[in-house]
Amino acid sequence: SAFGFPTVAQAGDERSLAMVNAVSDGYPLRGEVRLADEIFGKAYKATSVPEPGTTWAEAGVLARLNVDVGGDIQLGSVVFRVTRVLEFRPDQSMGFLGMAPSMLVNIDDVPAMNVIKEGSRVNYKYLFAGTPENVQEFRRDLNTKIKDEERVRTVDDASEQIAAAI
């Protein structure tokens, strides 16, 4: 599973809006995350998610905060060690919040950050895969149980960029 939310990232006296994406083991369900060991370094496929207490950050947030791999970035109440440069996520978006550089963190770190409060804007994503028939049956069942503010989307409902990644 994964969810994302905008927040302020801080390093020393520098601050920047960042789109934090909290992910669990198995992320991404489809496609691949691409990383580098340094800014402008050779990209390679990720084989896990960030370890607790660490983050993978896009070059844009690193530049805005004047931080490099090995440096620290504070998100809410937690200071994260930057261990990789985040080059690509298959689910990255191009909307307004997509303009903020992304950071990937371990989903287990989010409660200690103390940044999600009543009124926070959080986008939760649960991805499921299976045969077309099984997915259709699952969707029909799920649509009878969801709340008004929840949506079930398929590849057919997704934006062209997301559909291509899936």
N, C-alpha and C. Protein backbone atom coordinates (compact mmCIF):
# COMPACT_ATOMS: atom_id res chain seq x y z
N SER A 1 0.84 -1.18 0.00
CA SER A 1 0.00 0.00 0.00
C SER A 1 0.88 1.24 0.00
N ALA A 2 0.26 2.36 -0.31
CA ALA A 2 0.98 3.62 -0.37
C ALA A 2 0.00 4.75 -0.12
N PHE A 3 0.51 5.84 0.41
CA PHE A 3 -0.29 7.05 0.46
C PHE A 3 0.63 8.24 0.42
N GLY A 4 0.08 9.36 -0.03
CA GLY A 4 0.90 10.54 -0.20
C GLY A 4 0.26 11.77 0.38
N PHE A 5 1.11 12.72 0.76
CA PHE A 5 0.61 13.98 1.32
C PHE A 5 1.69 15.04 1.18
N PRO A 6 1.27 16.28 0.98
CA PRO A 6 2.26 17.37 0.93
C PRO A 6 2.62 17.81 2.34
N THR A 7 3.87 18.19 2.53
CA THR A 7 4.31 18.73 3.81
C THR A 7 5.58 19.55 3.56
N VAL A 8 6.01 20.23 4.59
CA VAL A 8 7.22 21.03 4.50
C VAL A 8 8.41 20.17 4.91
N ALA A 9 9.44 20.16 4.06
CA ALA A 9 10.70 19.50 4.37
C ALA A 9 11.68 20.58 4.80
N GLN A 10 12.51 20.25 5.79
CA GLN A 10 13.44 21.24 6.32
C GLN A 10 14.82 20.65 6.50
N ALA A 11 15.83 21.46 6.19
CA ALA A 11 17.22 21.10 6.45
C ALA A 11 17.93 22.39 6.83
N GLY A 12 18.35 22.48 8.08
CA GLY A 12 18.94 23.73 8.57
C GLY A 12 17.92 24.84 8.50
N ASP A 13 18.28 25.96 7.87
CA ASP A 13 17.36 27.08 7.72
C ASP A 13 16.55 27.02 6.43
N GLU A 14 16.80 26.01 5.59
CA GLU A 14 16.11 25.89 4.30
C GLU A 14 14.83 25.08 4.46
N ARG A 15 13.80 25.50 3.72
CA ARG A 15 12.52 24.79 3.73
C ARG A 15 12.02 24.64 2.29
N SER A 16 11.25 23.58 2.06
CA SER A 16 10.68 23.35 0.74
C SER A 16 9.42 22.50 0.89
N LEU A 17 8.41 22.79 0.06
CA LEU A 17 7.26 21.91 -0.01
C LEU A 17 7.71 20.62 -0.66
N ALA A 18 7.28 19.50 -0.13
CA ALA A 18 7.62 18.19 -0.69
C ALA A 18 6.36 17.32 -0.68
N MET A 19 6.27 16.44 -1.66
CA MET A 19 5.20 15.45 -1.70
C MET A 19 5.77 14.17 -1.12
N VAL A 20 5.33 13.83 0.08
CA VAL A 20 5.83 12.63 0.76
C VAL A 20 4.97 11.44 0.34
N ASN A 21 5.62 10.38 -0.08
CA ASN A 21 4.94 9.14 -0.45
C ASN A 21 5.40 8.06 0.51
N ALA A 22 4.47 7.60 1.33
CA ALA A 22 4.77 6.57 2.33
C ALA A 22 4.39 5.22 1.72
N VAL A 23 5.35 4.29 1.72
CA VAL A 23 5.13 3.01 1.03
C VAL A 23 5.49 1.83 1.93
N SER A 24 4.87 0.71 1.63
CA SER A 24 5.13 -0.53 2.38
C SER A 24 5.82 -1.52 1.47
N ASP A 25 6.28 -2.63 2.06
CA ASP A 25 6.92 -3.69 1.28
C ASP A 25 6.01 -4.10 0.13
N GLY A 26 6.60 -4.39 -1.00
CA GLY A 26 5.83 -4.78 -2.17
C GLY A 26 5.55 -3.62 -3.11
N TYR A 27 5.84 -2.40 -2.68
CA TYR A 27 5.65 -1.23 -3.55
C TYR A 27 6.78 -1.18 -4.56
N PRO A 28 6.53 -0.87 -5.79
CA PRO A 28 5.23 -0.69 -6.44
C PRO A 28 4.67 -2.03 -6.91
N LEU A 29 3.36 -2.08 -7.03
CA LEU A 29 2.72 -3.31 -7.49
C LEU A 29 3.10 -3.60 -8.94
N ARG A 30 3.16 -2.56 -9.74
CA ARG A 30 3.54 -2.68 -11.15
C ARG A 30 4.60 -1.62 -11.45
N GLY A 31 5.45 -1.89 -12.40
CA GLY A 31 6.49 -0.95 -12.77
C GLY A 31 7.66 -1.03 -11.81
N GLU A 32 8.52 -0.02 -11.85
CA GLU A 32 9.69 -0.04 -10.99
C GLU A 32 10.07 1.36 -10.54
N VAL A 33 10.64 1.42 -9.36
CA VAL A 33 11.21 2.66 -8.84
C VAL A 33 12.66 2.70 -9.29
N ARG A 34 13.10 3.86 -9.76
CA ARG A 34 14.49 4.02 -10.22
C ARG A 34 15.20 4.97 -9.25
N LEU A 35 16.41 4.58 -8.86
CA LEU A 35 17.21 5.32 -7.88
C LEU A 35 18.60 5.60 -8.43
N ALA A 36 19.29 6.51 -7.77
CA ALA A 36 20.71 6.74 -8.04
C ALA A 36 21.40 6.96 -6.70
N ASP A 37 22.68 6.72 -6.65
CA ASP A 37 23.44 6.89 -5.42
C ASP A 37 23.88 8.33 -5.20
N GLU A 38 23.75 9.16 -6.25
CA GLU A 38 24.11 10.57 -6.16
C GLU A 38 23.33 11.33 -7.22
N ILE A 39 23.23 12.65 -7.06
CA ILE A 39 22.56 13.47 -8.06
C ILE A 39 23.30 13.32 -9.38
N PHE A 40 22.54 13.11 -10.45
CA PHE A 40 23.06 12.87 -11.79
C PHE A 40 23.84 11.56 -11.89
N GLY A 41 23.64 10.67 -10.91
CA GLY A 41 24.30 9.37 -10.95
C GLY A 41 23.55 8.41 -11.86
N LYS A 42 24.17 7.27 -12.09
CA LYS A 42 23.57 6.23 -12.93
C LYS A 42 22.37 5.62 -12.20
N ALA A 43 21.21 5.61 -12.86
CA ALA A 43 19.99 5.10 -12.26
C ALA A 43 19.93 3.58 -12.33
N TYR A 44 19.30 2.99 -11.33
CA TYR A 44 19.11 1.54 -11.27
C TYR A 44 17.78 1.24 -10.59
N LYS A 45 17.31 0.01 -10.74
CA LYS A 45 16.02 -0.42 -10.20
C LYS A 45 16.13 -0.66 -8.69
N ALA A 46 15.16 -0.13 -7.95
CA ALA A 46 15.08 -0.39 -6.50
C ALA A 46 14.61 -1.83 -6.28
N THR A 47 15.13 -2.46 -5.24
CA THR A 47 14.72 -3.83 -4.93
C THR A 47 13.99 -3.92 -3.60
N SER A 48 13.75 -2.77 -2.97
CA SER A 48 13.04 -2.73 -1.69
C SER A 48 12.40 -1.36 -1.56
N VAL A 49 11.97 -1.03 -0.36
CA VAL A 49 11.47 0.31 -0.04
C VAL A 49 12.47 0.93 0.95
N PRO A 50 12.39 2.24 1.20
CA PRO A 50 13.33 2.84 2.15
C PRO A 50 13.27 2.17 3.52
N GLU A 51 14.42 2.00 4.13
CA GLU A 51 14.48 1.49 5.50
C GLU A 51 13.87 2.53 6.44
N PRO A 52 13.29 2.12 7.56
CA PRO A 52 12.78 3.10 8.51
C PRO A 52 13.88 4.10 8.89
N GLY A 53 13.48 5.37 8.98
CA GLY A 53 14.42 6.42 9.34
C GLY A 53 15.20 6.98 8.16
N THR A 54 14.96 6.43 6.96
CA THR A 54 15.65 6.92 5.77
C THR A 54 14.64 7.40 4.75
N THR A 55 15.12 8.17 3.78
CA THR A 55 14.27 8.64 2.69
C THR A 55 15.03 8.58 1.38
N TRP A 56 14.28 8.41 0.31
CA TRP A 56 14.80 8.57 -1.03
C TRP A 56 14.15 9.85 -1.55
N ALA A 57 14.94 10.82 -1.97
CA ALA A 57 14.42 12.13 -2.33
C ALA A 57 14.80 12.51 -3.75
N GLU A 58 13.87 13.17 -4.43
CA GLU A 58 14.16 13.67 -5.77
C GLU A 58 15.21 14.77 -5.70
N ALA A 59 15.95 14.92 -6.78
CA ALA A 59 17.02 15.92 -6.84
C ALA A 59 16.50 17.32 -6.57
N GLY A 60 15.26 17.61 -6.98
CA GLY A 60 14.69 18.94 -6.78
C GLY A 60 14.61 19.34 -5.32
N VAL A 61 14.18 18.43 -4.46
CA VAL A 61 14.10 18.76 -3.03
C VAL A 61 15.49 18.83 -2.42
N LEU A 62 16.40 17.99 -2.89
CA LEU A 62 17.78 18.04 -2.38
C LEU A 62 18.43 19.38 -2.72
N ALA A 63 18.21 19.85 -3.95
CA ALA A 63 18.79 21.14 -4.37
C ALA A 63 18.17 22.29 -3.58
N ARG A 64 16.85 22.27 -3.40
CA ARG A 64 16.18 23.35 -2.67
C ARG A 64 16.63 23.42 -1.22
N LEU A 65 16.96 22.27 -0.66
CA LEU A 65 17.38 22.23 0.75
C LEU A 65 18.89 22.22 0.92
N ASN A 66 19.61 22.19 -0.19
CA ASN A 66 21.07 22.14 -0.16
C ASN A 66 21.57 20.92 0.63
N VAL A 67 21.00 19.77 0.30
CA VAL A 67 21.32 18.50 0.96
C VAL A 67 21.73 17.50 -0.12
N ASP A 68 22.64 16.61 0.23
CA ASP A 68 23.06 15.56 -0.69
C ASP A 68 22.80 14.21 -0.03
N VAL A 69 23.02 13.14 -0.77
CA VAL A 69 22.90 11.80 -0.20
C VAL A 69 23.82 11.72 1.02
N GLY A 70 23.29 11.18 2.10
CA GLY A 70 24.02 11.12 3.37
C GLY A 70 23.62 12.22 4.33
N GLY A 71 22.94 13.24 3.80
CA GLY A 71 22.49 14.35 4.64
C GLY A 71 21.14 14.05 5.30
N ASP A 72 20.68 14.99 6.09
CA ASP A 72 19.43 14.82 6.84
C ASP A 72 18.37 15.82 6.40
N ILE A 73 17.12 15.35 6.36
CA ILE A 73 15.96 16.18 6.07
C ILE A 73 14.91 15.91 7.13
N GLN A 74 14.36 16.97 7.70
CA GLN A 74 13.32 16.82 8.72
C GLN A 74 11.95 16.93 8.08
N LEU A 75 11.09 15.97 8.40
CA LEU A 75 9.69 15.97 8.00
C LEU A 75 8.88 15.88 9.29
N GLY A 76 8.24 16.97 9.67
CA GLY A 76 7.51 16.97 10.93
C GLY A 76 8.47 16.76 12.08
N SER A 77 8.19 15.76 12.91
CA SER A 77 8.99 15.49 14.11
C SER A 77 10.14 14.52 13.88
N VAL A 78 10.33 14.05 12.65
CA VAL A 78 11.34 13.03 12.38
C VAL A 78 12.41 13.57 11.43
N VAL A 79 13.67 13.27 11.75
CA VAL A 79 14.79 13.59 10.88
C VAL A 79 15.16 12.32 10.11
N PHE A 80 15.13 12.41 8.80
CA PHE A 80 15.41 11.28 7.93
C PHE A 80 16.79 11.43 7.30
N ARG A 81 17.51 10.34 7.19
CA ARG A 81 18.78 10.31 6.46
C ARG A 81 18.47 10.03 4.99
N VAL A 82 18.97 10.85 4.09
CA VAL A 82 18.80 10.64 2.65
C VAL A 82 19.79 9.55 2.22
N THR A 83 19.27 8.44 1.70
CA THR A 83 20.16 7.34 1.31
C THR A 83 20.22 7.12 -0.20
N ARG A 84 19.27 7.68 -0.96
CA ARG A 84 19.27 7.54 -2.42
C ARG A 84 18.60 8.76 -3.04
N VAL A 85 18.93 8.99 -4.30
CA VAL A 85 18.23 10.00 -5.10
C VAL A 85 17.10 9.28 -5.82
N LEU A 86 15.88 9.77 -5.65
CA LEU A 86 14.70 9.19 -6.29
C LEU A 86 14.61 9.74 -7.71
N GLU A 87 14.78 8.85 -8.69
CA GLU A 87 14.76 9.25 -10.10
C GLU A 87 13.39 9.09 -10.74
N PHE A 88 12.65 8.02 -10.37
CA PHE A 88 11.37 7.75 -11.03
C PHE A 88 10.51 6.85 -10.16
N ARG A 89 9.20 7.18 -10.11
CA ARG A 89 8.18 6.32 -9.51
C ARG A 89 7.13 6.06 -10.58
N PRO A 90 6.65 4.84 -10.75
CA PRO A 90 5.67 4.58 -11.80
C PRO A 90 4.33 5.26 -11.55
N ASP A 91 4.06 5.68 -10.32
CA ASP A 91 2.77 6.31 -10.00
C ASP A 91 2.89 7.82 -9.79
N GLN A 92 4.00 8.42 -10.23
CA GLN A 92 4.13 9.86 -10.02
C GLN A 92 3.10 10.58 -10.87
N SER A 93 2.60 11.71 -10.36
CA SER A 93 1.54 12.44 -11.04
C SER A 93 2.06 13.77 -11.54
N MET A 94 1.25 14.39 -12.40
CA MET A 94 1.64 15.66 -12.99
C MET A 94 0.73 16.80 -12.56
N GLY A 95 -0.17 16.60 -11.59
CA GLY A 95 -1.06 17.65 -11.14
C GLY A 95 -0.32 18.71 -10.35
N PHE A 96 -1.09 19.61 -9.71
CA PHE A 96 -0.49 20.69 -8.94
C PHE A 96 0.49 20.16 -7.90
N LEU A 97 0.08 19.14 -7.15
CA LEU A 97 0.97 18.60 -6.12
C LEU A 97 2.14 17.85 -6.74
N GLY A 98 2.00 17.44 -8.01
CA GLY A 98 3.10 16.81 -8.71
C GLY A 98 4.25 17.77 -8.96
N MET A 99 3.98 19.07 -8.81
CA MET A 99 5.03 20.07 -9.00
C MET A 99 6.00 20.06 -7.82
N ALA A 100 5.54 19.63 -6.65
CA ALA A 100 6.43 19.54 -5.49
C ALA A 100 7.29 18.30 -5.65
N PRO A 101 8.59 18.41 -5.39
CA PRO A 101 9.45 17.22 -5.53
C PRO A 101 9.05 16.15 -4.52
N SER A 102 9.24 14.90 -4.93
CA SER A 102 8.81 13.77 -4.12
C SER A 102 9.89 13.23 -3.20
N MET A 103 9.43 12.67 -2.11
CA MET A 103 10.28 11.93 -1.18
C MET A 103 9.55 10.62 -0.88
N LEU A 104 10.28 9.53 -0.85
CA LEU A 104 9.72 8.24 -0.50
C LEU A 104 10.19 7.88 0.90
N VAL A 105 9.26 7.50 1.78
CA VAL A 105 9.60 7.08 3.13
C VAL A 105 8.91 5.76 3.42
N ASN A 106 9.38 5.08 4.44
CA ASN A 106 8.76 3.84 4.89
C ASN A 106 7.45 4.18 5.60
N ILE A 107 6.39 3.46 5.29
CA ILE A 107 5.07 3.73 5.84
C ILE A 107 5.07 3.67 7.38
N ASP A 108 5.98 2.88 7.95
CA ASP A 108 6.03 2.75 9.41
C ASP A 108 6.53 4.01 10.11
N ASP A 109 7.17 4.93 9.36
CA ASP A 109 7.69 6.17 9.95
C ASP A 109 6.63 7.27 10.08
N VAL A 110 5.52 7.14 9.40
CA VAL A 110 4.56 8.24 9.33
C VAL A 110 3.96 8.63 10.68
N PRO A 111 3.53 7.72 11.54
CA PRO A 111 2.93 8.17 12.80
C PRO A 111 3.85 9.08 13.62
N ALA A 112 5.13 8.77 13.67
CA ALA A 112 6.07 9.57 14.46
C ALA A 112 6.30 10.96 13.88
N MET A 113 5.98 11.14 12.59
CA MET A 113 6.18 12.44 11.96
C MET A 113 5.22 13.51 12.51
N ASN A 114 4.06 13.10 12.96
CA ASN A 114 3.05 14.02 13.51
C ASN A 114 2.64 15.11 12.52
N VAL A 115 2.52 14.77 11.25
CA VAL A 115 2.12 15.76 10.25
C VAL A 115 0.71 15.53 9.72
N ILE A 116 0.16 14.35 9.90
CA ILE A 116 -1.20 14.08 9.44
C ILE A 116 -2.15 14.32 10.61
N LYS A 117 -2.94 15.36 10.44
CA LYS A 117 -3.89 15.76 11.48
C LYS A 117 -5.26 15.94 10.84
N GLU A 118 -6.26 16.22 11.65
CA GLU A 118 -7.59 16.48 11.12
C GLU A 118 -7.50 17.62 10.11
N GLY A 119 -8.06 17.41 8.94
CA GLY A 119 -8.02 18.42 7.89
C GLY A 119 -6.86 18.26 6.92
N SER A 120 -5.93 17.34 7.21
CA SER A 120 -4.80 17.12 6.30
C SER A 120 -5.31 16.51 4.99
N ARG A 121 -4.64 16.85 3.92
CA ARG A 121 -4.98 16.28 2.62
C ARG A 121 -4.07 15.08 2.39
N VAL A 122 -4.67 13.89 2.40
CA VAL A 122 -3.91 12.65 2.23
C VAL A 122 -4.60 11.81 1.16
N ASN A 123 -3.82 11.26 0.26
CA ASN A 123 -4.34 10.42 -0.80
C ASN A 123 -3.87 8.99 -0.54
N TYR A 124 -4.78 8.12 -0.11
CA TYR A 124 -4.45 6.73 0.16
C TYR A 124 -4.66 5.90 -1.10
N LYS A 125 -3.71 4.98 -1.38
CA LYS A 125 -3.81 4.13 -2.55
C LYS A 125 -3.62 2.68 -2.13
N TYR A 126 -4.53 1.85 -2.57
CA TYR A 126 -4.39 0.41 -2.40
C TYR A 126 -4.47 -0.19 -3.80
N LEU A 127 -3.46 -0.91 -4.20
CA LEU A 127 -3.41 -1.46 -5.54
C LEU A 127 -3.62 -2.96 -5.48
N PHE A 128 -4.43 -3.46 -6.43
CA PHE A 128 -4.75 -4.88 -6.49
C PHE A 128 -4.54 -5.36 -7.91
N ALA A 129 -4.12 -6.59 -8.06
CA ALA A 129 -3.91 -7.16 -9.39
C ALA A 129 -4.52 -8.55 -9.43
N GLY A 130 -4.89 -8.96 -10.61
CA GLY A 130 -5.45 -10.29 -10.82
C GLY A 130 -5.92 -10.43 -12.24
N THR A 131 -6.61 -11.52 -12.51
CA THR A 131 -7.16 -11.69 -13.85
C THR A 131 -8.24 -10.62 -14.06
N PRO A 132 -8.53 -10.26 -15.30
CA PRO A 132 -9.59 -9.26 -15.53
C PRO A 132 -10.92 -9.64 -14.88
N GLU A 133 -11.26 -10.90 -14.92
CA GLU A 133 -12.53 -11.35 -14.32
C GLU A 133 -12.51 -11.16 -12.80
N ASN A 134 -11.39 -11.56 -12.17
CA ASN A 134 -11.29 -11.43 -10.72
C ASN A 134 -11.30 -9.96 -10.30
N VAL A 135 -10.62 -9.11 -11.05
CA VAL A 135 -10.59 -7.69 -10.72
C VAL A 135 -11.98 -7.09 -10.85
N GLN A 136 -12.71 -7.46 -11.91
CA GLN A 136 -14.07 -6.96 -12.11
C GLN A 136 -14.99 -7.38 -10.97
N GLU A 137 -14.89 -8.64 -10.57
CA GLU A 137 -15.71 -9.14 -9.45
C GLU A 137 -15.35 -8.41 -8.16
N PHE A 138 -14.06 -8.24 -7.92
CA PHE A 138 -13.59 -7.53 -6.73
C PHE A 138 -14.11 -6.09 -6.73
N ARG A 139 -14.06 -5.43 -7.88
CA ARG A 139 -14.53 -4.04 -7.97
C ARG A 139 -16.02 -3.96 -7.68
N ARG A 140 -16.82 -4.86 -8.26
CA ARG A 140 -18.26 -4.85 -8.00
C ARG A 140 -18.54 -5.01 -6.51
N ASP A 141 -17.84 -5.93 -5.87
CA ASP A 141 -18.03 -6.15 -4.43
C ASP A 141 -17.60 -4.93 -3.63
N LEU A 142 -16.47 -4.37 -3.97
CA LEU A 142 -15.94 -3.22 -3.25
C LEU A 142 -16.84 -2.00 -3.39
N ASN A 143 -17.42 -1.80 -4.57
CA ASN A 143 -18.31 -0.65 -4.79
C ASN A 143 -19.54 -0.67 -3.90
N THR A 144 -19.92 -1.83 -3.40
CA THR A 144 -21.07 -1.90 -2.49
C THR A 144 -20.69 -1.55 -1.06
N LYS A 145 -19.37 -1.43 -0.78
CA LYS A 145 -18.92 -1.24 0.60
C LYS A 145 -18.20 0.08 0.85
N ILE A 146 -17.90 0.84 -0.18
CA ILE A 146 -17.09 2.04 0.02
C ILE A 146 -17.92 3.22 0.52
N LYS A 147 -17.22 4.19 1.11
CA LYS A 147 -17.84 5.41 1.61
C LYS A 147 -17.95 6.42 0.48
N ASP A 148 -18.73 7.48 0.71
CA ASP A 148 -18.95 8.50 -0.33
C ASP A 148 -17.65 9.14 -0.80
N GLU A 149 -16.69 9.32 0.10
CA GLU A 149 -15.44 10.00 -0.25
C GLU A 149 -14.40 9.05 -0.85
N GLU A 150 -14.72 7.79 -0.99
CA GLU A 150 -13.80 6.81 -1.54
C GLU A 150 -14.15 6.51 -2.99
N ARG A 151 -13.12 6.20 -3.79
CA ARG A 151 -13.30 5.89 -5.20
C ARG A 151 -12.54 4.61 -5.54
N VAL A 152 -13.12 3.82 -6.41
CA VAL A 152 -12.45 2.65 -6.94
C VAL A 152 -12.17 2.96 -8.40
N ARG A 153 -10.90 2.85 -8.77
CA ARG A 153 -10.50 3.14 -10.15
C ARG A 153 -9.78 1.95 -10.75
N THR A 154 -9.94 1.80 -12.04
CA THR A 154 -9.20 0.78 -12.77
C THR A 154 -8.25 1.49 -13.73
N VAL A 155 -7.48 0.72 -14.45
CA VAL A 155 -6.59 1.29 -15.44
C VAL A 155 -7.40 2.13 -16.43
N ASP A 156 -8.61 1.70 -16.74
CA ASP A 156 -9.46 2.43 -17.69
C ASP A 156 -9.84 3.81 -17.16
N ASP A 157 -9.90 3.98 -15.84
CA ASP A 157 -10.28 5.25 -15.23
C ASP A 157 -9.10 6.18 -15.01
N ALA A 158 -7.90 5.64 -15.06
CA ALA A 158 -6.70 6.39 -14.69
C ALA A 158 -6.28 7.34 -15.81
N SER A 159 -5.45 8.30 -15.43
CA SER A 159 -4.88 9.20 -16.44
C SER A 159 -4.01 8.39 -17.39
N GLU A 160 -3.72 8.96 -18.54
CA GLU A 160 -2.91 8.26 -19.54
C GLU A 160 -1.54 7.87 -18.99
N GLN A 161 -0.93 8.79 -18.21
CA GLN A 161 0.40 8.52 -17.65
C GLN A 161 0.36 7.37 -16.66
N ILE A 162 -0.64 7.37 -15.78
CA ILE A 162 -0.74 6.31 -14.77
C ILE A 162 -1.09 4.99 -15.46
N ALA A 163 -2.01 5.04 -16.42
CA ALA A 163 -2.39 3.81 -17.13
C ALA A 163 -1.19 3.19 -17.83
N ALA A 164 -0.34 4.02 -18.41
CA ALA A 164 0.86 3.51 -19.09
C ALA A 164 1.79 2.85 -18.10
N ALA A 165 1.91 3.43 -16.90
CA ALA A 165 2.79 2.84 -15.89
C ALA A 165 2.24 1.51 -15.40
N ILE A 166 0.91 1.44 -15.25
CA ILE A 166 0.29 0.20 -14.76
C ILE A 166 0.33 -0.84 -15.86
